[in-house]
Amino acid sequence: MDYKPVGGVRRVSLRAADTVGRAMESVEVELIDDGSTYREVLSVERGSGVVRHTLTLKALYSNAEAWLQSEFIDMATRTGVVAEVMLNDSRQVTVGFSETLGVEQPLRIKSLEVDSAHSPSEVPTVTLVLCCEGVNLI
């Protein structure tokens, strides 16, 4: 069974799942240092292998305009996205696409939160959580 590396995220490029393999524009937002993570959980439920991918991205509000656009939210909710992820240790993984299943299990928005901050000394942030779940083909 192959495991993808997990951990802190340095950079992410997101694009609509239905554009994989075509030259299309992607969405990339500057992330807060040590604020983003990628997690893959493999489990067995009712006798079947299940894999859950969760990509949690955090950025300053001033940098996250692309995530807050209605077009992006609609695309990431309906079509889903594929993420090219660079981890803090410089390894790269693709999430939401596999050679076996293609884009049948793209990432979709689980939550999108804008935190206005708690005090004048703090800066507003945006947290985007993308996830997908599917059968693990062991």
N, C-alpha and C. Protein backbone atom coordinates (compact mmCIF):
# COMPACT_ATOMS: atom_id res chain seq x y z
N MET A 1 0.85 -1.16 0.00
CA MET A 1 0.00 0.00 0.00
C MET A 1 0.90 1.23 0.00
N ASP A 2 0.66 2.16 -0.91
CA ASP A 2 1.44 3.39 -0.98
C ASP A 2 0.82 4.45 -0.09
N TYR A 3 1.66 5.15 0.64
CA TYR A 3 1.22 6.29 1.44
C TYR A 3 1.84 7.54 0.88
N LYS A 4 1.04 8.57 0.75
CA LYS A 4 1.58 9.86 0.32
C LYS A 4 2.22 10.53 1.52
N PRO A 5 3.25 11.35 1.30
CA PRO A 5 3.81 12.09 2.42
C PRO A 5 2.78 13.09 2.94
N VAL A 6 2.80 13.31 4.22
CA VAL A 6 1.86 14.27 4.81
C VAL A 6 2.64 15.30 5.62
N GLY A 7 1.98 16.37 5.96
CA GLY A 7 2.63 17.36 6.80
C GLY A 7 2.31 18.76 6.37
N GLY A 8 3.18 19.66 6.77
CA GLY A 8 3.00 21.07 6.49
C GLY A 8 3.06 21.36 5.00
N VAL A 9 2.33 22.39 4.61
CA VAL A 9 2.21 22.75 3.19
C VAL A 9 2.89 24.09 2.95
N ARG A 10 3.73 24.15 1.94
CA ARG A 10 4.42 25.38 1.58
C ARG A 10 3.68 26.14 0.48
N ARG A 11 3.19 25.42 -0.53
CA ARG A 11 2.55 26.07 -1.67
C ARG A 11 1.52 25.12 -2.27
N VAL A 12 0.41 25.70 -2.79
CA VAL A 12 -0.63 24.91 -3.42
C VAL A 12 -1.14 25.63 -4.66
N SER A 13 -1.32 24.87 -5.71
CA SER A 13 -1.95 25.37 -6.92
C SER A 13 -3.22 24.57 -7.13
N LEU A 14 -4.36 25.27 -7.27
CA LEU A 14 -5.66 24.61 -7.42
C LEU A 14 -6.21 24.88 -8.81
N ARG A 15 -6.80 23.85 -9.43
CA ARG A 15 -7.48 24.07 -10.71
C ARG A 15 -8.70 23.16 -10.79
N ALA A 16 -9.63 23.57 -11.61
CA ALA A 16 -10.87 22.80 -11.75
C ALA A 16 -10.55 21.38 -12.18
N ALA A 17 -11.23 20.42 -11.56
CA ALA A 17 -10.98 19.01 -11.86
C ALA A 17 -11.25 18.68 -13.32
N ASP A 18 -12.21 19.36 -13.94
CA ASP A 18 -12.52 19.04 -15.34
C ASP A 18 -11.55 19.66 -16.34
N THR A 19 -10.48 20.30 -15.85
CA THR A 19 -9.48 20.87 -16.75
C THR A 19 -8.15 20.12 -16.69
N VAL A 20 -8.09 19.02 -15.94
CA VAL A 20 -6.86 18.25 -15.82
C VAL A 20 -6.42 17.78 -17.21
N GLY A 21 -5.15 17.98 -17.50
CA GLY A 21 -4.61 17.59 -18.79
C GLY A 21 -4.69 18.68 -19.84
N ARG A 22 -5.34 19.79 -19.52
CA ARG A 22 -5.41 20.92 -20.44
C ARG A 22 -4.69 22.10 -19.83
N ALA A 23 -4.19 22.97 -20.66
CA ALA A 23 -3.53 24.18 -20.16
C ALA A 23 -4.60 25.17 -19.71
N MET A 24 -4.84 25.22 -18.42
CA MET A 24 -5.85 26.11 -17.86
C MET A 24 -5.23 26.87 -16.69
N GLU A 25 -5.81 28.03 -16.42
CA GLU A 25 -5.34 28.85 -15.32
C GLU A 25 -5.62 28.17 -13.99
N SER A 26 -4.66 28.29 -13.09
CA SER A 26 -4.86 27.74 -11.75
C SER A 26 -4.91 28.88 -10.74
N VAL A 27 -5.39 28.55 -9.54
CA VAL A 27 -5.51 29.52 -8.46
C VAL A 27 -4.41 29.22 -7.45
N GLU A 28 -3.59 30.23 -7.17
CA GLU A 28 -2.54 30.07 -6.17
C GLU A 28 -2.56 31.29 -5.26
N VAL A 29 -2.62 31.03 -3.97
CA VAL A 29 -2.67 32.09 -2.96
C VAL A 29 -1.47 31.91 -2.04
N GLU A 30 -0.82 33.01 -1.68
CA GLU A 30 0.31 32.94 -0.76
C GLU A 30 -0.19 32.50 0.61
N LEU A 31 0.39 31.42 1.13
CA LEU A 31 -0.04 30.84 2.40
C LEU A 31 0.73 31.41 3.58
N ILE A 32 0.10 31.38 4.75
CA ILE A 32 0.77 31.76 5.99
C ILE A 32 1.77 30.66 6.34
N ASP A 33 2.99 31.04 6.72
CA ASP A 33 4.00 30.05 7.12
C ASP A 33 3.47 29.16 8.23
N ASP A 34 3.62 27.86 8.07
CA ASP A 34 3.22 26.86 9.06
C ASP A 34 1.74 26.91 9.43
N GLY A 35 0.90 27.43 8.53
CA GLY A 35 -0.52 27.51 8.82
C GLY A 35 -1.36 26.52 8.04
N SER A 36 -0.75 25.78 7.12
CA SER A 36 -1.50 24.89 6.24
C SER A 36 -1.01 23.45 6.39
N THR A 37 -1.94 22.51 6.18
CA THR A 37 -1.59 21.09 6.34
C THR A 37 -2.28 20.23 5.29
N TYR A 38 -1.68 19.07 5.04
CA TYR A 38 -2.29 18.04 4.21
C TYR A 38 -2.31 16.76 5.03
N ARG A 39 -3.46 16.10 5.02
CA ARG A 39 -3.60 14.87 5.79
C ARG A 39 -4.31 13.82 4.94
N GLU A 40 -3.78 12.61 4.97
CA GLU A 40 -4.41 11.47 4.30
C GLU A 40 -4.64 10.40 5.35
N VAL A 41 -5.90 9.94 5.47
CA VAL A 41 -6.25 8.92 6.45
C VAL A 41 -6.81 7.72 5.71
N LEU A 42 -6.17 6.57 5.93
CA LEU A 42 -6.66 5.31 5.36
C LEU A 42 -7.34 4.53 6.47
N SER A 43 -8.53 4.00 6.18
CA SER A 43 -9.26 3.24 7.19
C SER A 43 -10.07 2.14 6.51
N VAL A 44 -10.58 1.24 7.31
CA VAL A 44 -11.47 0.20 6.82
C VAL A 44 -12.81 0.42 7.50
N GLU A 45 -13.84 0.60 6.67
CA GLU A 45 -15.19 0.82 7.17
C GLU A 45 -16.12 -0.18 6.49
N ARG A 46 -16.82 -0.96 7.32
CA ARG A 46 -17.74 -1.98 6.81
C ARG A 46 -17.07 -2.89 5.78
N GLY A 47 -15.81 -3.22 6.03
CA GLY A 47 -15.09 -4.15 5.17
C GLY A 47 -14.46 -3.54 3.94
N SER A 48 -14.62 -2.25 3.71
CA SER A 48 -14.03 -1.60 2.53
C SER A 48 -12.97 -0.60 2.94
N GLY A 49 -11.93 -0.53 2.14
CA GLY A 49 -10.89 0.47 2.37
C GLY A 49 -11.38 1.85 1.96
N VAL A 50 -11.17 2.84 2.81
CA VAL A 50 -11.59 4.21 2.54
C VAL A 50 -10.39 5.12 2.74
N VAL A 51 -10.25 6.09 1.87
CA VAL A 51 -9.18 7.08 2.02
C VAL A 51 -9.82 8.46 2.07
N ARG A 52 -9.38 9.27 3.03
CA ARG A 52 -9.86 10.65 3.17
C ARG A 52 -8.66 11.58 3.05
N HIS A 53 -8.77 12.53 2.16
CA HIS A 53 -7.74 13.55 1.99
C HIS A 53 -8.30 14.86 2.51
N THR A 54 -7.54 15.55 3.34
CA THR A 54 -7.96 16.85 3.85
C THR A 54 -6.81 17.83 3.66
N LEU A 55 -7.09 18.89 2.95
CA LEU A 55 -6.12 19.95 2.68
C LEU A 55 -6.65 21.21 3.36
N THR A 56 -5.94 21.67 4.38
CA THR A 56 -6.33 22.86 5.12
C THR A 56 -5.34 23.97 4.77
N LEU A 57 -5.87 25.03 4.16
CA LEU A 57 -5.02 26.14 3.68
C LEU A 57 -5.37 27.41 4.44
N LYS A 58 -4.34 28.12 4.88
CA LYS A 58 -4.56 29.35 5.63
C LYS A 58 -3.74 30.48 5.02
N ALA A 59 -4.41 31.62 4.82
CA ALA A 59 -3.76 32.78 4.21
C ALA A 59 -4.25 34.05 4.88
N LEU A 60 -3.47 35.11 4.74
CA LEU A 60 -3.94 36.42 5.18
C LEU A 60 -5.13 36.81 4.32
N TYR A 61 -6.08 37.48 4.93
CA TYR A 61 -7.27 37.93 4.20
C TYR A 61 -6.87 38.76 2.97
N SER A 62 -5.87 39.60 3.14
CA SER A 62 -5.43 40.47 2.04
C SER A 62 -4.86 39.70 0.86
N ASN A 63 -4.47 38.44 1.05
CA ASN A 63 -3.92 37.61 -0.03
C ASN A 63 -4.93 36.62 -0.60
N ALA A 64 -6.07 36.44 0.05
CA ALA A 64 -6.97 35.33 -0.26
C ALA A 64 -8.15 35.71 -1.16
N GLU A 65 -8.07 36.81 -1.85
CA GLU A 65 -9.19 37.26 -2.68
C GLU A 65 -9.66 36.19 -3.67
N ALA A 66 -8.73 35.46 -4.25
CA ALA A 66 -9.11 34.44 -5.25
C ALA A 66 -10.02 33.36 -4.66
N TRP A 67 -9.80 32.99 -3.39
CA TRP A 67 -10.64 31.97 -2.74
C TRP A 67 -12.04 32.49 -2.46
N LEU A 68 -12.18 33.80 -2.33
CA LEU A 68 -13.46 34.39 -1.93
C LEU A 68 -14.34 34.77 -3.12
N GLN A 69 -13.84 34.59 -4.32
CA GLN A 69 -14.62 34.89 -5.52
C GLN A 69 -15.72 33.83 -5.70
N SER A 70 -16.90 34.26 -6.08
CA SER A 70 -18.02 33.32 -6.23
C SER A 70 -17.73 32.26 -7.29
N GLU A 71 -16.98 32.62 -8.33
CA GLU A 71 -16.63 31.65 -9.38
C GLU A 71 -15.78 30.51 -8.81
N PHE A 72 -14.81 30.87 -7.96
CA PHE A 72 -13.95 29.85 -7.36
C PHE A 72 -14.77 28.97 -6.42
N ILE A 73 -15.59 29.59 -5.57
CA ILE A 73 -16.39 28.82 -4.62
C ILE A 73 -17.32 27.86 -5.36
N ASP A 74 -17.95 28.33 -6.42
CA ASP A 74 -18.84 27.48 -7.21
C ASP A 74 -18.08 26.32 -7.84
N MET A 75 -16.92 26.62 -8.43
CA MET A 75 -16.11 25.58 -9.07
C MET A 75 -15.64 24.55 -8.04
N ALA A 76 -15.16 25.01 -6.89
CA ALA A 76 -14.62 24.10 -5.88
C ALA A 76 -15.72 23.32 -5.16
N THR A 77 -16.95 23.79 -5.26
CA THR A 77 -18.07 23.09 -4.64
C THR A 77 -18.69 22.09 -5.62
N ARG A 78 -18.91 22.53 -6.85
CA ARG A 78 -19.61 21.68 -7.83
C ARG A 78 -18.68 20.76 -8.61
N THR A 79 -17.71 21.33 -9.30
CA THR A 79 -16.80 20.56 -10.15
C THR A 79 -15.74 19.86 -9.32
N GLY A 80 -15.29 20.54 -8.28
CA GLY A 80 -14.18 20.03 -7.49
C GLY A 80 -12.87 20.52 -8.06
N VAL A 81 -11.82 20.36 -7.28
CA VAL A 81 -10.50 20.84 -7.70
C VAL A 81 -9.46 19.75 -7.53
N VAL A 82 -8.39 19.91 -8.27
CA VAL A 82 -7.18 19.10 -8.12
C VAL A 82 -6.11 20.03 -7.58
N ALA A 83 -5.37 19.57 -6.59
CA ALA A 83 -4.35 20.39 -5.96
C ALA A 83 -2.96 19.82 -6.23
N GLU A 84 -2.08 20.70 -6.67
CA GLU A 84 -0.65 20.38 -6.76
C GLU A 84 -0.06 20.97 -5.49
N VAL A 85 0.42 20.12 -4.60
CA VAL A 85 0.83 20.54 -3.27
C VAL A 85 2.34 20.37 -3.11
N MET A 86 3.02 21.45 -2.67
CA MET A 86 4.41 21.34 -2.28
C MET A 86 4.46 21.36 -0.76
N LEU A 87 4.97 20.26 -0.19
CA LEU A 87 5.07 20.16 1.26
C LEU A 87 6.31 20.90 1.76
N ASN A 88 6.35 21.14 3.05
CA ASN A 88 7.47 21.87 3.63
C ASN A 88 8.81 21.19 3.41
N ASP A 89 8.81 19.88 3.24
CA ASP A 89 10.07 19.17 3.01
C ASP A 89 10.41 19.09 1.52
N SER A 90 9.71 19.88 0.69
CA SER A 90 9.93 20.01 -0.76
C SER A 90 9.38 18.85 -1.59
N ARG A 91 8.73 17.88 -0.97
CA ARG A 91 8.08 16.83 -1.76
C ARG A 91 6.80 17.41 -2.36
N GLN A 92 6.42 16.89 -3.52
CA GLN A 92 5.20 17.34 -4.18
C GLN A 92 4.23 16.18 -4.32
N VAL A 93 2.94 16.48 -4.08
CA VAL A 93 1.88 15.48 -4.23
C VAL A 93 0.73 16.11 -5.00
N THR A 94 0.00 15.27 -5.70
CA THR A 94 -1.22 15.69 -6.38
C THR A 94 -2.38 15.10 -5.60
N VAL A 95 -3.34 15.94 -5.24
CA VAL A 95 -4.49 15.49 -4.45
C VAL A 95 -5.76 15.81 -5.23
N GLY A 96 -6.67 14.83 -5.31
CA GLY A 96 -7.90 15.00 -6.06
C GLY A 96 -7.84 14.40 -7.45
N PHE A 97 -6.74 13.74 -7.76
CA PHE A 97 -6.55 13.09 -9.05
C PHE A 97 -5.67 11.87 -8.84
N SER A 98 -5.99 10.78 -9.52
CA SER A 98 -5.12 9.61 -9.49
C SER A 98 -5.09 8.98 -10.88
N GLU A 99 -4.02 8.28 -11.17
CA GLU A 99 -3.91 7.59 -12.47
C GLU A 99 -5.02 6.55 -12.63
N THR A 100 -5.41 5.92 -11.53
CA THR A 100 -6.43 4.88 -11.58
C THR A 100 -7.84 5.44 -11.76
N LEU A 101 -8.19 6.45 -10.97
CA LEU A 101 -9.56 6.97 -10.96
C LEU A 101 -9.73 8.29 -11.68
N GLY A 102 -8.64 8.89 -12.14
CA GLY A 102 -8.75 10.19 -12.81
C GLY A 102 -9.27 11.23 -11.83
N VAL A 103 -10.30 11.97 -12.25
CA VAL A 103 -10.86 13.03 -11.41
C VAL A 103 -12.20 12.62 -10.79
N GLU A 104 -12.38 11.32 -10.58
CA GLU A 104 -13.63 10.84 -9.97
C GLU A 104 -13.76 11.24 -8.51
N GLN A 105 -12.65 11.57 -7.85
CA GLN A 105 -12.68 11.94 -6.44
C GLN A 105 -11.94 13.27 -6.23
N PRO A 106 -12.44 14.36 -6.83
CA PRO A 106 -11.75 15.64 -6.65
C PRO A 106 -11.99 16.21 -5.26
N LEU A 107 -11.14 17.13 -4.88
CA LEU A 107 -11.34 17.86 -3.62
C LEU A 107 -12.53 18.80 -3.77
N ARG A 108 -13.28 18.96 -2.70
CA ARG A 108 -14.40 19.92 -2.69
C ARG A 108 -14.32 20.71 -1.39
N ILE A 109 -14.94 21.87 -1.40
CA ILE A 109 -14.90 22.72 -0.21
C ILE A 109 -15.68 22.07 0.93
N LYS A 110 -15.00 21.90 2.04
CA LYS A 110 -15.66 21.46 3.28
C LYS A 110 -16.05 22.70 4.09
N SER A 111 -15.13 23.69 4.12
CA SER A 111 -15.44 24.95 4.79
C SER A 111 -14.55 26.05 4.26
N LEU A 112 -15.04 27.27 4.39
CA LEU A 112 -14.31 28.48 4.02
C LEU A 112 -14.64 29.51 5.09
N GLU A 113 -13.65 29.86 5.91
CA GLU A 113 -13.90 30.75 7.04
C GLU A 113 -13.03 31.99 6.96
N VAL A 114 -13.65 33.13 7.21
CA VAL A 114 -12.93 34.39 7.32
C VAL A 114 -12.94 34.77 8.79
N ASP A 115 -11.75 34.91 9.36
CA ASP A 115 -11.62 35.29 10.76
C ASP A 115 -11.18 36.75 10.80
N SER A 116 -12.04 37.60 11.34
CA SER A 116 -11.78 39.04 11.34
C SER A 116 -10.73 39.43 12.37
N ALA A 117 -10.25 38.51 13.16
CA ALA A 117 -9.25 38.70 14.21
C ALA A 117 -9.93 39.13 15.50
N HIS A 118 -9.22 38.95 16.59
CA HIS A 118 -9.79 39.20 17.91
C HIS A 118 -9.37 40.53 18.52
N SER A 119 -8.32 41.10 17.96
CA SER A 119 -7.84 42.37 18.50
C SER A 119 -7.21 43.18 17.37
N PRO A 120 -7.03 44.47 17.58
CA PRO A 120 -6.44 45.32 16.53
C PRO A 120 -5.02 44.90 16.14
N SER A 121 -4.31 44.20 17.02
CA SER A 121 -2.95 43.79 16.71
C SER A 121 -2.89 42.53 15.84
N GLU A 122 -4.01 41.84 15.68
CA GLU A 122 -4.06 40.64 14.85
C GLU A 122 -4.52 41.00 13.44
N VAL A 123 -4.15 40.16 12.49
CA VAL A 123 -4.58 40.40 11.11
C VAL A 123 -5.65 39.38 10.72
N PRO A 124 -6.62 39.77 9.92
CA PRO A 124 -7.66 38.84 9.47
C PRO A 124 -7.06 37.73 8.59
N THR A 125 -7.62 36.54 8.73
CA THR A 125 -7.16 35.40 7.96
C THR A 125 -8.34 34.69 7.30
N VAL A 126 -8.01 33.86 6.32
CA VAL A 126 -8.99 33.01 5.65
C VAL A 126 -8.47 31.58 5.73
N THR A 127 -9.35 30.66 6.11
CA THR A 127 -9.01 29.25 6.14
C THR A 127 -9.93 28.50 5.19
N LEU A 128 -9.32 27.81 4.24
CA LEU A 128 -10.04 27.02 3.24
C LEU A 128 -9.74 25.55 3.51
N VAL A 129 -10.78 24.75 3.73
CA VAL A 129 -10.61 23.32 3.95
C VAL A 129 -11.24 22.59 2.78
N LEU A 130 -10.42 21.82 2.09
CA LEU A 130 -10.86 21.02 0.96
C LEU A 130 -10.70 19.55 1.32
N CYS A 131 -11.65 18.71 0.91
CA CYS A 131 -11.52 17.30 1.23
C CYS A 131 -12.16 16.43 0.16
N CYS A 132 -11.74 15.19 0.15
CA CYS A 132 -12.38 14.18 -0.70
C CYS A 132 -12.27 12.85 0.02
N GLU A 133 -13.16 11.98 -0.32
CA GLU A 133 -13.22 10.66 0.29
C GLU A 133 -13.58 9.66 -0.79
N GLY A 134 -12.96 8.53 -0.73
CA GLY A 134 -13.30 7.51 -1.71
C GLY A 134 -12.77 6.16 -1.33
N VAL A 135 -13.00 5.21 -2.19
CA VAL A 135 -12.56 3.85 -2.00
C VAL A 135 -11.06 3.78 -2.18
N ASN A 136 -10.40 3.09 -1.30
CA ASN A 136 -8.95 2.91 -1.43
C ASN A 136 -8.72 1.63 -2.21
N LEU A 137 -8.09 1.76 -3.35
CA LEU A 137 -7.81 0.59 -4.20
C LEU A 137 -6.45 0.02 -3.79
N ILE A 138 -6.47 -0.91 -2.86
CA ILE A 138 -5.23 -1.49 -2.32
C ILE A 138 -4.71 -2.53 -3.26
